[in-house]
Protein backbone atom coordinates (compact mmCIF):
# COMPACT_ATOMS: atom_id res chain seq x y z
CA MET A 1 10.41 -11.45 11.54
CA VAL A 2 7.95 -12.73 8.95
CA SER A 3 8.95 -13.94 5.48
CA LEU A 4 6.45 -13.19 2.72
CA THR A 5 6.59 -13.82 -1.00
CA VAL A 6 4.76 -10.93 -2.63
CA ASN A 7 4.44 -10.71 -6.40
CA GLY A 8 7.17 -13.32 -6.75
CA THR A 9 9.71 -11.61 -4.48
CA LEU A 10 10.65 -12.89 -1.02
CA HIS A 11 10.59 -10.23 1.72
CA ASP A 12 11.69 -10.53 5.34
CA ILE A 13 9.48 -8.14 7.29
CA GLU A 14 10.03 -6.86 10.82
CA ALA A 15 6.40 -6.83 11.92
CA ASP A 16 4.29 -8.08 14.77
CA PRO A 17 2.80 -11.41 13.59
CA ASP A 18 -0.70 -10.06 14.25
CA THR A 19 -0.20 -7.11 11.88
CA PRO A 20 -2.78 -7.17 9.08
CA LEU A 21 -1.27 -7.92 5.67
CA LEU A 22 -2.68 -4.64 4.32
CA TYR A 23 -0.40 -2.59 6.57
CA VAL A 24 2.67 -4.63 5.65
CA LEU A 25 1.91 -4.25 1.93
CA ARG A 26 1.35 -0.51 2.13
CA ASP A 27 3.74 0.58 4.90
CA ASP A 28 6.62 -1.87 4.64
CA LEU A 29 6.62 -2.83 0.96
CA GLY A 30 5.29 0.39 -0.60
CA LEU A 31 2.55 -1.42 -2.51
CA HIS A 32 -0.43 0.92 -2.43
CA GLY A 33 -2.83 -0.90 -4.76
CA ALA A 34 -4.77 -2.59 -1.94
CA LYS A 35 -6.80 0.10 -0.19
CA TYR A 36 -7.96 0.59 3.37
CA GLY A 37 -11.73 0.77 3.14
CA CYS A 38 -13.53 -0.37 6.26
CA GLY A 39 -10.84 -2.25 8.20
CA LEU A 40 -13.43 -4.91 9.01
CA GLY A 41 -13.36 -7.10 5.91
CA GLN A 42 -16.74 -5.83 4.74
CA CYS A 43 -15.98 -3.78 1.61
CA GLY A 44 -13.31 -5.63 -0.37
CA ALA A 45 -11.11 -2.61 -1.17
CA CYS A 46 -8.16 -4.46 0.39
CA THR A 47 -8.57 -7.71 -1.58
CA VAL A 48 -5.39 -9.48 -2.68
CA MET A 49 -4.71 -13.08 -3.66
CA VAL A 50 -3.04 -15.63 -1.41
CA GLU A 51 -2.18 -18.88 -3.14
CA GLY A 52 -4.63 -17.91 -5.89
CA GLU A 53 -7.57 -17.21 -3.55
CA ALA A 54 -9.14 -13.81 -2.89
CA VAL A 55 -8.30 -12.67 0.65
CA LEU A 56 -9.28 -9.56 2.61
CA SER A 57 -5.88 -8.21 3.62
CA CYS A 58 -7.21 -5.84 6.30
CA VAL A 59 -8.25 -8.76 8.50
CA THR A 60 -5.55 -11.30 7.60
CA PRO A 61 -2.58 -11.35 9.99
CA VAL A 62 0.82 -11.82 8.35
CA LEU A 63 1.52 -14.75 10.68
CA LEU A 64 -0.90 -16.86 8.62
CA LEU A 65 0.95 -16.11 5.40
CA GLU A 66 4.43 -17.43 6.14
CA GLY A 67 5.59 -19.38 3.09
CA LYS A 68 2.54 -18.50 0.98
CA ALA A 69 2.45 -16.59 -2.31
CA VAL A 70 0.71 -13.21 -2.13
CA THR A 71 -0.27 -11.38 -5.31
CA THR A 72 -1.37 -7.75 -5.35
CA VAL A 73 -2.74 -5.70 -8.24
CA GLU A 74 0.84 -4.56 -8.87
CA GLY A 75 1.66 -8.19 -9.64
CA LEU A 76 -0.85 -8.43 -12.50
CA GLY A 77 1.16 -6.22 -14.83
CA THR A 78 2.78 -2.84 -15.25
CA ILE A 79 1.79 0.49 -16.73
CA GLU A 80 3.81 -0.42 -19.81
CA ALA A 81 2.51 -4.00 -19.99
CA PRO A 82 -0.83 -4.37 -18.21
CA GLY A 83 -2.19 -7.85 -17.65
CA PRO A 84 -5.47 -9.04 -19.24
CA MET A 85 -7.55 -7.99 -16.22
CA GLN A 86 -6.02 -4.54 -16.13
CA GLU A 87 -6.43 -4.13 -19.90
CA ALA A 88 -10.10 -5.09 -19.65
CA PHE A 89 -10.80 -2.59 -16.86
CA ILE A 90 -9.11 0.14 -18.91
CA ALA A 91 -10.97 -0.77 -22.11
CA GLU A 92 -14.35 -0.84 -20.36
CA GLN A 93 -13.63 2.37 -18.41
CA ALA A 94 -14.70 0.47 -15.31
CA ALA A 95 -13.29 2.96 -12.81
CA GLN A 96 -14.93 6.16 -11.70
CA CYS A 97 -13.17 7.11 -8.47
CA GLY A 98 -11.04 3.96 -8.74
CA TYR A 99 -10.81 3.24 -5.02
CA CYS A 100 -12.47 -0.18 -5.19
CA ILE A 101 -10.96 -1.22 -8.51
CA PRO A 102 -7.75 -2.95 -7.30
CA GLY A 103 -9.80 -5.13 -4.96
CA MET A 104 -12.33 -5.81 -7.70
CA MET A 105 -9.57 -6.83 -10.09
CA MET A 106 -7.98 -9.17 -7.55
CA ARG A 107 -11.24 -10.90 -6.64
CA ALA A 108 -12.06 -11.31 -10.34
CA GLN A 109 -8.53 -12.52 -11.11
CA ALA A 110 -8.81 -15.25 -8.48
CA LEU A 111 -12.04 -16.46 -10.08
CA LEU A 112 -10.81 -16.35 -13.66
CA GLN A 113 -7.54 -18.11 -12.88
CA ARG A 114 -9.65 -21.06 -11.74
CA ASP A 115 -12.17 -20.86 -14.58
CA PRO A 116 -11.94 -18.26 -17.36
CA GLY A 117 -15.11 -19.77 -18.88
CA VAL A 118 -17.21 -18.90 -15.84
CA SER A 119 -20.83 -17.77 -16.30
CA ASP A 120 -22.07 -14.23 -15.78
CA GLU A 121 -24.14 -15.47 -12.83
CA ALA A 122 -21.05 -16.98 -11.21
CA ILE A 123 -19.14 -13.73 -11.75
CA ARG A 124 -21.90 -11.74 -10.05
CA ALA A 125 -22.03 -14.12 -7.09
CA HIS A 126 -18.25 -14.17 -6.70
CA MET A 127 -17.96 -10.37 -6.82
CA GLU A 128 -20.71 -9.75 -4.26
CA PRO A 129 -18.34 -9.13 -1.29
CA ASN A 130 -16.66 -6.20 -3.08
CA LEU A 131 -18.50 -2.89 -2.92
CA CYS A 132 -18.45 0.08 -5.31
CA ARG A 133 -20.05 3.30 -4.12
CA CYS A 134 -19.74 5.01 -7.51
CA GLY A 135 -22.14 2.59 -9.15
CA THR A 136 -19.92 1.37 -11.99
CA HIS A 137 -21.06 -2.19 -11.42
CA MET A 138 -22.17 -2.77 -15.00
CA ARG A 139 -18.83 -1.58 -16.39
CA ILE A 140 -16.98 -3.68 -13.80
CA LEU A 141 -18.96 -6.76 -14.86
CA ALA A 142 -18.29 -5.96 -18.53
CA ALA A 143 -14.57 -5.66 -17.78
CA ILE A 144 -14.54 -9.00 -15.98
CA ARG A 145 -16.39 -10.65 -18.88
CA ARG A 146 -13.88 -9.07 -21.32
CA ALA A 147 -10.96 -10.38 -19.23
CA ALA A 148 -12.59 -13.82 -19.01
CA ASP A 149 -13.04 -13.94 -22.78
CA SER A 150 -9.45 -12.78 -23.30
CA MET A 151 -8.07 -15.34 -20.87
CA ALA A 152 -10.20 -18.15 -22.30
CA THR A 153 -9.22 -17.25 -25.86
CA ALA A 154 -5.54 -17.07 -24.95
CA GLY A 155 -5.85 -20.33 -23.06
CA ALA A 156 -3.50 -18.93 -20.47
CA GLU A 157 -3.67 -17.80 -16.91
CA ALA A 158 -2.54 -14.29 -16.07
CA PRO A 159 0.83 -13.97 -14.34
CA SER A 160 0.76 -14.91 -10.68
CA GLY A 161 3.55 -12.81 -9.37
CA ARG A 162 5.23 -10.37 -11.76
CA ALA A 163 6.61 -7.38 -9.96
CA GLY A 164 4.66 -4.30 -10.90
CA SER A 165 5.00 -0.59 -10.80
């Protein structure tokens, strides 16, 4: 039994402690935002936040997460009330196939929660581990800049654990 707090809700999971977080999120909790990409921690499609830091969930065993706060893309907002990051990605039409987008949003969210005034160069460097095969990189960067400007203007951090849809 492993206890995880995901998007603000405590869950007791019957899983082998070595099970990657990605499988627990998708199979046990029904949260399908984080995607299986490579299974090796090389593409970023599975990125979530743990204690505010971007983490590759496909290579992170749940044993390491006992007592820690996990946030998935579903925790950023809902369809009815998207968070600033989600709104920015929608406004900039940053998704083509959309497969990488939840991981992109979570890596960007982790950065902007620390520093919404971050430079474009820092955004590019921080986002480097996440891959997009469709080539929407410029729209993704524009969306992150839009979210950063929105978060800096609002002077508030995005929610760190609202249950989503």
